[in-house]
Amino acid sequence: MKRLHYFSFFCKTVSSARSPRPHDAALLFAVLPYSASATAAGAASITGKHMFMAQYLVDSCGFDQEKATEASKLLKGIQSRQQPDSVLAFLKSYGFNDSTVTRYLLFSPKCLLLDVEKTLAPKFQAFEDLGLSPSDIIHFVRSNPSTIQMKLERIRSKIEFWQGLLSSKDALVKLIKRTRGILTLSIEKRIQPNLELLQECGVDGQKLAFILRNRPKIVAQNADYLKSLISRVEDLGVPRTSGMFHCTLSALFTVSREKFKMQMEFFRRFGWSEDDFVVAFQKCPTFLQGSWTTLQRKMEFLINEAGYASSYIATRPVILTLSLERRMIPRHRILATLKSRGHCERNYKEIAYMLDSEARFLEKYIILYKDRERSCCHMDEMF
């Protein structure tokens, strides 16, 4: 609220300076005869205003001359520094640095026409009420610059819609920070129809929450794209009734048809057939996430060092979602060491030990065998 008080005082101060008024121009044209020279004078006046704003954009907003000249044509209503200065001061009071202001104004130079007290301050206050910090607001405006041009009522109604859908203010903050332009999309024409289409596919409740949390851009796509994406999931043999439908939809959203074919060819090098690849994807759609280099390193480690057959990995693709450095390598080497000491009677080639939680792994393989070795040492001392 201190910002709003400051800008109320600021705007009253700068408005006290006299600016040209509309009736001044009317009086001028009433007493001067219409002539070519008068027309030329008017044109010169307009040119002068353009030159003033163009130079202002260069000096105060970081524009180059070409961009400034073009943008100044959209700012004919500005006749002095007072209006644009108030906008720049307001943005900088929220922590916008010079480069961020420049990028924003290059996208929307008309922002310099906005009234700080009546337009900008209430919108930024709405963002603060949502829970956005000043740094969050900077990130949000940078990612969603057209939002500032929207009417405050529209912004509030969309915030209320998304907050009701997500049932969490924190989830909404994450959504608008991660998804460019989400608040500019029509709820009635774009978002609601997509949500209804997903619900027809059985994607509701927790499944819809999964989509909104992991791939919120899915609900922002046009209807034709979303229908095409749903068809791709079904073509891979995953019906709408499957508990994996929403996971497969989320995974395919990041993988084009061409990339999917290339990934299939990639795994052929390790002996997988097309059916092997499709079945693996049906079981664990997320195993394809990550770079090809990472996937190749994982496959080579599992086959060459850990001793798994490629066909075995194809039937348990979830192992490829684990971190190589933080999970696969250290756990394999721990169990190999235990095996060399005569422990781990069970077949540790099964991947269960890779999938165990950290606490479960420590209990089953570290604490258990550490206690056994202490017991053996104690028995040796007795004899």
Protein backbone atom coordinates (compact mmCIF):
# COMPACT_ATOMS: atom_id res chain seq x y z
CA MET A 1 0.00 0.00 0.00
CA LYS A 2 2.98 2.34 0.48
CA ARG A 3 3.63 2.09 -3.27
CA LEU A 4 0.05 3.19 -4.03
CA HIS A 5 0.31 6.16 -1.63
CA TYR A 6 3.60 7.20 -3.20
CA PHE A 7 2.22 7.10 -6.69
CA SER A 8 -0.93 8.98 -5.71
CA PHE A 9 1.30 11.80 -4.45
CA PHE A 10 3.57 11.48 -7.49
CA CYS A 11 0.73 11.77 -10.00
CA LYS A 12 -0.82 14.78 -8.25
CA THR A 13 2.55 16.54 -8.26
CA VAL A 14 3.36 16.02 -11.92
CA SER A 15 -0.19 16.90 -13.03
CA SER A 16 0.19 20.42 -11.58
CA ALA A 17 2.49 21.36 -14.47
CA ARG A 18 0.48 22.91 -17.29
CA SER A 19 0.04 20.77 -20.41
CA PRO A 20 -1.53 21.72 -23.75
CA ARG A 21 -5.32 21.35 -23.62
CA PRO A 22 -7.74 20.44 -26.44
CA HIS A 23 -9.52 23.83 -26.44
CA ASP A 24 -6.15 25.58 -26.95
CA ALA A 25 -5.85 23.88 -30.31
CA ALA A 26 -9.48 24.69 -31.15
CA LEU A 27 -8.94 28.38 -30.39
CA LEU A 28 -5.79 28.43 -32.50
CA PHE A 29 -7.57 27.06 -35.56
CA ALA A 30 -10.52 29.44 -35.01
CA VAL A 31 -8.39 32.59 -35.27
CA LEU A 32 -5.99 31.44 -37.98
CA PRO A 33 -7.22 31.08 -41.56
CA TYR A 34 -6.95 27.62 -43.09
CA SER A 35 -4.02 27.58 -45.47
CA ALA A 36 -1.26 25.37 -46.75
CA SER A 37 1.08 27.01 -44.27
CA ALA A 38 -1.31 26.14 -41.41
CA THR A 39 -1.43 22.56 -42.65
CA ALA A 40 2.32 22.47 -42.80
CA ALA A 41 2.51 23.87 -39.30
CA GLY A 42 0.18 21.12 -38.06
CA ALA A 43 2.26 18.47 -39.77
CA ALA A 44 5.38 19.95 -38.26
CA SER A 45 3.73 19.85 -34.82
CA ILE A 46 2.89 16.16 -35.22
CA THR A 47 6.38 15.44 -36.47
CA GLY A 48 7.76 17.29 -33.48
CA LYS A 49 5.72 15.14 -31.08
CA HIS A 50 6.96 12.01 -32.80
CA MET A 51 10.52 13.26 -32.56
CA PHE A 52 10.05 14.05 -28.87
CA MET A 53 8.73 10.57 -28.06
CA ALA A 54 11.27 8.85 -30.30
CA GLN A 55 14.09 10.63 -28.48
CA TYR A 56 12.48 9.86 -25.11
CA LEU A 57 12.34 6.15 -25.97
CA VAL A 58 16.01 6.23 -26.90
CA ASP A 59 17.17 8.22 -23.86
CA SER A 60 14.92 6.78 -21.15
CA CYS A 61 13.82 3.35 -22.37
CA GLY A 62 16.87 1.93 -24.14
CA PHE A 63 15.34 1.75 -27.64
CA ASP A 64 17.47 2.01 -30.74
CA GLN A 65 16.54 4.82 -33.14
CA GLU A 66 14.64 2.63 -35.60
CA LYS A 67 12.49 0.95 -32.94
CA ALA A 68 11.91 4.28 -31.21
CA THR A 69 10.71 5.96 -34.39
CA GLU A 70 8.28 3.13 -35.07
CA ALA A 71 6.97 2.97 -31.48
CA SER A 72 6.52 6.75 -31.23
CA LYS A 73 3.71 6.53 -33.81
CA LEU A 74 1.68 4.60 -31.21
CA LEU A 75 2.21 7.22 -28.53
CA LYS A 76 0.64 10.31 -30.09
CA GLY A 77 -1.25 11.15 -26.91
CA ILE A 78 1.92 11.83 -24.93
CA GLN A 79 2.96 15.47 -25.00
CA SER A 80 5.43 15.64 -22.12
CA ARG A 81 7.65 13.45 -19.97
CA GLN A 82 5.21 13.41 -17.05
CA GLN A 83 3.09 10.46 -18.20
CA PRO A 84 5.85 8.08 -19.34
CA ASP A 85 8.04 9.04 -16.37
CA SER A 86 5.28 7.98 -13.97
CA VAL A 87 5.01 4.56 -15.67
CA LEU A 88 8.77 3.99 -15.61
CA ALA A 89 8.99 5.03 -11.98
CA PHE A 90 6.17 2.65 -11.06
CA LEU A 91 7.76 -0.33 -12.83
CA LYS A 92 11.13 0.35 -11.26
CA SER A 93 9.53 0.60 -7.82
CA TYR A 94 8.67 -3.10 -8.24
CA GLY A 95 12.25 -3.95 -9.12
CA PHE A 96 12.11 -3.93 -12.93
CA ASN A 97 15.64 -3.20 -14.15
CA ASP A 98 16.44 -1.24 -17.30
CA SER A 99 16.78 -4.27 -19.59
CA THR A 100 13.48 -5.78 -18.38
CA VAL A 101 11.68 -2.46 -18.89
CA THR A 102 13.13 -2.18 -22.38
CA ARG A 103 12.06 -5.71 -23.35
CA TYR A 104 8.57 -5.11 -22.02
CA LEU A 105 8.13 -1.74 -23.76
CA LEU A 106 9.45 -3.14 -27.03
CA PHE A 107 6.58 -5.63 -26.87
CA SER A 108 4.01 -3.12 -25.63
CA PRO A 109 5.03 0.55 -26.01
CA LYS A 110 1.42 1.58 -25.32
CA CYS A 111 2.02 0.71 -21.68
CA LEU A 112 3.47 4.23 -21.41
CA LEU A 113 -0.07 5.55 -21.97
CA LEU A 114 -1.51 3.72 -18.95
CA ASP A 115 -2.63 5.62 -15.86
CA VAL A 116 -0.57 4.46 -12.89
CA GLU A 117 -3.20 5.01 -10.20
CA LYS A 118 -6.23 3.79 -12.13
CA THR A 119 -4.73 0.96 -14.18
CA LEU A 120 -1.25 -0.24 -13.29
CA ALA A 121 -1.34 -0.07 -9.49
CA PRO A 122 -4.66 -1.99 -9.13
CA LYS A 123 -3.42 -4.75 -11.47
CA PHE A 124 -0.14 -5.17 -9.64
CA GLN A 125 -2.05 -5.14 -6.35
CA ALA A 126 -4.21 -8.00 -7.69
CA PHE A 127 -1.03 -9.97 -8.41
CA GLU A 128 0.26 -9.28 -4.89
CA ASP A 129 -3.09 -10.36 -3.42
CA LEU A 130 -2.66 -13.64 -5.31
CA GLY A 131 0.58 -14.20 -3.44
CA LEU A 132 3.12 -13.10 -6.05
CA SER A 133 6.22 -11.42 -4.68
CA PRO A 134 7.71 -8.43 -6.57
CA SER A 135 10.26 -10.77 -8.19
CA ASP A 136 7.42 -13.14 -9.14
CA ILE A 137 5.54 -10.23 -10.71
CA ILE A 138 8.59 -9.27 -12.78
CA HIS A 139 8.90 -12.86 -14.02
CA PHE A 140 5.16 -13.04 -14.72
CA VAL A 141 4.99 -9.76 -16.65
CA ARG A 142 8.11 -10.70 -18.62
CA SER A 143 6.48 -14.02 -19.60
CA ASN A 144 2.95 -12.60 -20.06
CA PRO A 145 3.44 -9.00 -21.24
CA SER A 146 0.00 -8.65 -22.82
CA THR A 147 -1.66 -9.24 -19.44
CA ILE A 148 -0.99 -5.61 -18.46
CA GLN A 149 -3.21 -4.47 -21.33
CA MET A 150 -6.14 -6.58 -20.12
CA LYS A 151 -8.97 -5.10 -18.08
CA LEU A 152 -8.64 -5.66 -14.36
CA GLU A 153 -12.02 -7.42 -14.18
CA ARG A 154 -10.92 -9.97 -16.77
CA ILE A 155 -7.66 -10.64 -14.95
CA ARG A 156 -9.48 -11.18 -11.65
CA SER A 157 -12.11 -13.47 -13.18
CA LYS A 158 -9.43 -15.62 -14.81
CA ILE A 159 -7.41 -15.80 -11.61
CA GLU A 160 -10.56 -16.93 -9.77
CA PHE A 161 -11.27 -19.58 -12.45
CA TRP A 162 -7.78 -21.08 -12.32
CA GLN A 163 -7.58 -20.94 -8.55
CA GLY A 164 -10.89 -22.80 -8.32
CA LEU A 165 -9.68 -25.40 -10.82
CA LEU A 166 -6.32 -25.95 -9.13
CA SER A 167 -7.67 -25.65 -5.56
CA SER A 168 -4.42 -24.05 -4.48
CA LYS A 169 -3.01 -20.55 -4.62
CA ASP A 170 0.54 -21.96 -4.71
CA ALA A 171 -0.35 -24.17 -7.69
CA LEU A 172 -1.78 -21.16 -9.51
CA VAL A 173 1.35 -19.10 -8.86
CA LYS A 174 3.47 -21.91 -10.33
CA LEU A 175 1.12 -22.20 -13.32
CA ILE A 176 1.21 -18.54 -14.32
CA LYS A 177 4.99 -18.38 -13.79
CA ARG A 178 5.64 -21.47 -15.92
CA THR A 179 3.03 -21.07 -18.67
CA ARG A 180 3.48 -18.09 -20.96
CA GLY A 181 0.25 -16.31 -21.83
CA ILE A 182 -2.03 -18.58 -19.78
CA LEU A 183 -4.12 -15.67 -18.46
CA THR A 184 -4.59 -14.20 -21.92
CA LEU A 185 -6.39 -17.28 -23.29
CA SER A 186 -10.16 -17.36 -23.46
CA ILE A 187 -11.69 -19.53 -20.76
CA GLU A 188 -14.93 -20.01 -22.72
CA LYS A 189 -13.43 -20.62 -26.16
CA ARG A 190 -10.19 -22.45 -25.36
CA ILE A 191 -9.72 -23.71 -21.79
CA GLN A 192 -13.21 -24.96 -20.89
CA PRO A 193 -13.71 -26.96 -24.14
CA ASN A 194 -10.30 -28.61 -23.65
CA LEU A 195 -11.12 -29.53 -20.07
CA GLU A 196 -14.41 -31.07 -21.20
CA LEU A 197 -12.61 -33.05 -23.91
CA LEU A 198 -10.12 -34.39 -21.36
CA GLN A 199 -12.94 -35.32 -19.00
CA GLU A 200 -14.57 -37.29 -21.84
CA CYS A 201 -11.32 -39.28 -21.96
CA GLY A 202 -11.51 -40.03 -18.25
CA VAL A 203 -8.93 -37.39 -17.34
CA ASP A 204 -10.48 -35.75 -14.28
CA GLY A 205 -9.86 -35.47 -10.56
CA GLN A 206 -6.31 -36.49 -9.66
CA LYS A 207 -5.50 -37.35 -13.28
CA LEU A 208 -6.41 -33.83 -14.40
CA ALA A 209 -4.42 -32.44 -11.47
CA PHE A 210 -1.43 -34.46 -12.75
CA ILE A 211 -1.78 -32.87 -16.20
CA LEU A 212 -2.14 -29.35 -14.80
CA ARG A 213 0.85 -29.87 -12.50
CA ASN A 214 3.19 -31.41 -15.08
CA ARG A 215 1.96 -30.31 -18.51
CA PRO A 216 -0.38 -27.33 -18.04
CA LYS A 217 0.19 -26.23 -21.64
CA ILE A 218 -1.88 -29.20 -22.81
CA VAL A 219 -5.11 -27.43 -21.83
CA ALA A 220 -3.94 -24.30 -23.64
CA GLN A 221 -3.66 -25.96 -27.07
CA ASN A 222 -6.17 -25.53 -29.86
CA ALA A 223 -8.86 -28.19 -30.09
CA ASP A 224 -7.50 -29.84 -33.25
CA TYR A 225 -4.06 -30.34 -31.73
CA LEU A 226 -5.49 -31.82 -28.53
CA LYS A 227 -7.70 -34.24 -30.49
CA SER A 228 -4.67 -35.28 -32.56
CA LEU A 229 -2.66 -35.87 -29.36
CA ILE A 230 -5.44 -38.03 -27.94
CA SER A 231 -5.53 -40.06 -31.17
CA ARG A 232 -1.77 -40.67 -30.94
CA VAL A 233 -2.19 -42.09 -27.44
CA GLU A 234 -4.95 -44.43 -28.62
CA ASP A 235 -2.94 -45.47 -31.70
CA LEU A 236 -0.21 -46.71 -29.35
CA GLY A 237 -2.69 -49.12 -27.78
CA VAL A 238 -3.47 -47.08 -24.66
CA PRO A 239 -7.27 -46.83 -24.32
CA ARG A 240 -9.04 -43.97 -22.57
CA THR A 241 -10.00 -46.39 -19.81
CA SER A 242 -6.36 -47.15 -19.03
CA GLY A 243 -4.90 -45.82 -15.81
CA MET A 244 -1.86 -44.80 -17.88
CA PHE A 245 -3.80 -42.72 -20.42
CA HIS A 246 -3.11 -39.37 -18.74
CA CYS A 247 0.58 -40.22 -18.22
CA THR A 248 0.97 -41.23 -21.88
CA LEU A 249 -0.82 -38.05 -22.99
CA SER A 250 1.55 -35.97 -20.88
CA ALA A 251 4.64 -37.75 -22.23
CA LEU A 252 3.61 -37.58 -25.89
CA PHE A 253 2.96 -33.84 -25.59
CA THR A 254 6.73 -33.31 -25.47
CA VAL A 255 7.53 -35.86 -28.21
CA SER A 256 6.59 -35.20 -31.83
CA ARG A 257 5.76 -38.07 -34.20
CA GLU A 258 9.15 -37.63 -35.87
CA LYS A 259 11.07 -37.66 -32.59
CA PHE A 260 9.13 -40.73 -31.45
CA LYS A 261 10.24 -42.62 -34.57
CA MET A 262 13.83 -41.50 -34.06
CA GLN A 263 13.76 -42.73 -30.46
CA MET A 264 12.42 -46.07 -31.65
CA GLU A 265 15.37 -46.34 -34.05
CA PHE A 266 17.72 -45.40 -31.22
CA PHE A 267 16.63 -48.40 -29.13
CA ARG A 268 16.84 -50.70 -32.13
CA ARG A 269 20.62 -50.32 -31.77
CA PHE A 270 20.29 -52.10 -28.44
CA GLY A 271 18.29 -54.93 -29.95
CA TRP A 272 14.76 -53.72 -29.21
CA SER A 273 12.05 -54.49 -31.76
CA GLU A 274 9.28 -52.01 -32.56
CA ASP A 275 6.93 -54.02 -30.34
CA ASP A 276 9.49 -53.95 -27.51
CA PHE A 277 9.66 -50.18 -27.75
CA VAL A 278 5.89 -49.65 -27.86
CA VAL A 279 5.27 -52.02 -24.94
CA ALA A 280 7.99 -50.27 -22.92
CA PHE A 281 6.38 -46.91 -23.67
CA GLN A 282 2.95 -48.22 -22.65
CA LYS A 283 4.38 -49.37 -19.32
CA CYS A 284 6.40 -46.25 -18.55
CA PRO A 285 5.87 -43.31 -20.93
CA THR A 286 8.30 -41.12 -18.99
CA PHE A 287 11.36 -43.26 -19.70
CA LEU A 288 12.00 -41.29 -22.91
CA GLN A 289 12.46 -38.02 -21.06
CA GLY A 290 16.02 -36.80 -20.98
CA SER A 291 18.65 -36.49 -23.66
CA TRP A 292 19.72 -39.29 -25.95
CA THR A 293 23.22 -39.05 -24.50
CA THR A 294 21.84 -39.74 -21.03
CA LEU A 295 19.72 -42.66 -22.26
CA GLN A 296 22.71 -44.14 -24.08
CA ARG A 297 24.91 -43.91 -20.98
CA LYS A 298 22.22 -45.61 -18.89
CA MET A 299 21.76 -48.44 -21.39
CA GLU A 300 25.50 -49.00 -21.73
CA PHE A 301 25.98 -49.07 -17.95
CA LEU A 302 23.09 -51.45 -17.34
CA ILE A 303 24.21 -53.83 -20.09
CA ASN A 304 28.00 -53.65 -19.89
CA GLU A 305 28.64 -53.10 -16.16
CA ALA A 306 25.50 -54.18 -14.32
CA GLY A 307 25.02 -57.17 -16.62
CA TYR A 308 21.35 -56.76 -17.52
CA ALA A 309 20.11 -58.10 -20.84
CA SER A 310 18.68 -55.47 -23.17
CA SER A 311 15.47 -57.50 -23.44
CA TYR A 312 15.16 -57.46 -19.62
CA ILE A 313 15.43 -53.65 -19.59
CA ALA A 314 12.75 -53.46 -22.31
CA THR A 315 10.28 -55.23 -20.01
CA ARG A 316 11.18 -52.96 -17.06
CA PRO A 317 11.67 -49.51 -18.63
CA VAL A 318 11.06 -47.73 -15.32
CA ILE A 319 14.72 -48.34 -14.51
CA LEU A 320 15.63 -45.85 -17.25
CA THR A 321 13.89 -43.06 -15.32
CA LEU A 322 16.40 -43.37 -12.45
CA SER A 323 19.45 -41.16 -12.12
CA LEU A 324 22.63 -42.83 -13.37
CA GLU A 325 25.01 -41.01 -11.02
CA ARG A 326 22.81 -40.76 -7.93
CA ARG A 327 21.03 -44.11 -8.04
CA MET A 328 22.22 -46.72 -10.53
CA ILE A 329 26.00 -46.60 -10.17
CA PRO A 330 26.29 -46.25 -6.36
CA ARG A 331 23.68 -48.93 -5.59
CA HIS A 332 25.10 -51.40 -8.09
CA ARG A 333 28.59 -50.97 -6.65
CA ILE A 334 27.37 -51.32 -3.06
CA LEU A 335 25.65 -54.60 -3.88
CA ALA A 336 28.61 -55.85 -5.88
CA THR A 337 30.80 -55.23 -2.80
CA LEU A 338 28.35 -57.04 -0.53
CA LYS A 339 28.21 -59.94 -2.98
CA SER A 340 32.00 -60.21 -2.97
CA ARG A 341 31.89 -60.55 0.83
CA GLY A 342 29.45 -63.40 0.67
CA HIS A 343 26.31 -61.43 1.39
CA CYS A 344 23.21 -60.88 -0.78
CA GLU A 345 22.21 -64.50 -1.20
CA ARG A 346 19.22 -63.44 -3.29
CA ASN A 347 19.62 -62.61 -6.96
CA TYR A 348 20.41 -58.95 -6.88
CA LYS A 349 20.16 -58.75 -10.66
CA GLU A 350 16.47 -58.06 -10.11
CA ILE A 351 15.87 -54.32 -10.25
CA ALA A 352 14.01 -54.10 -6.93
CA TYR A 353 17.08 -52.74 -5.16
CA MET A 354 17.29 -49.94 -7.72
CA LEU A 355 13.67 -48.95 -7.11
CA ASP A 356 13.67 -49.06 -3.31
CA SER A 357 13.38 -45.76 -1.48
CA GLU A 358 16.53 -44.43 0.13
CA ALA A 359 15.35 -45.45 3.62
CA ARG A 360 14.32 -48.93 2.45
CA PHE A 361 17.65 -49.47 0.66
CA LEU A 362 19.65 -48.44 3.73
CA GLU A 363 17.62 -50.79 5.91
CA LYS A 364 17.83 -53.81 3.59
CA TYR A 365 21.37 -53.56 2.34
CA ILE A 366 23.48 -51.25 4.53
CA ILE A 367 22.26 -51.53 8.13
CA LEU A 368 21.37 -55.23 7.89
CA TYR A 369 24.74 -56.41 6.57
CA LYS A 370 26.67 -53.95 8.71
CA ASP A 371 25.07 -55.51 11.81
CA ARG A 372 25.83 -59.01 10.49
CA GLU A 373 29.50 -58.17 10.01
CA ARG A 374 29.69 -56.77 13.55
CA SER A 375 28.12 -59.95 14.87
CA CYS A 376 30.63 -62.09 12.96
CA CYS A 377 33.53 -60.04 14.32
CA HIS A 378 32.20 -60.46 17.85
CA MET A 379 31.95 -64.23 17.39
CA ASP A 380 35.53 -64.37 16.11
CA GLU A 381 36.74 -62.52 19.21
CA MET A 382 34.93 -65.04 21.45
CA PHE A 383 36.77 -67.97 19.87
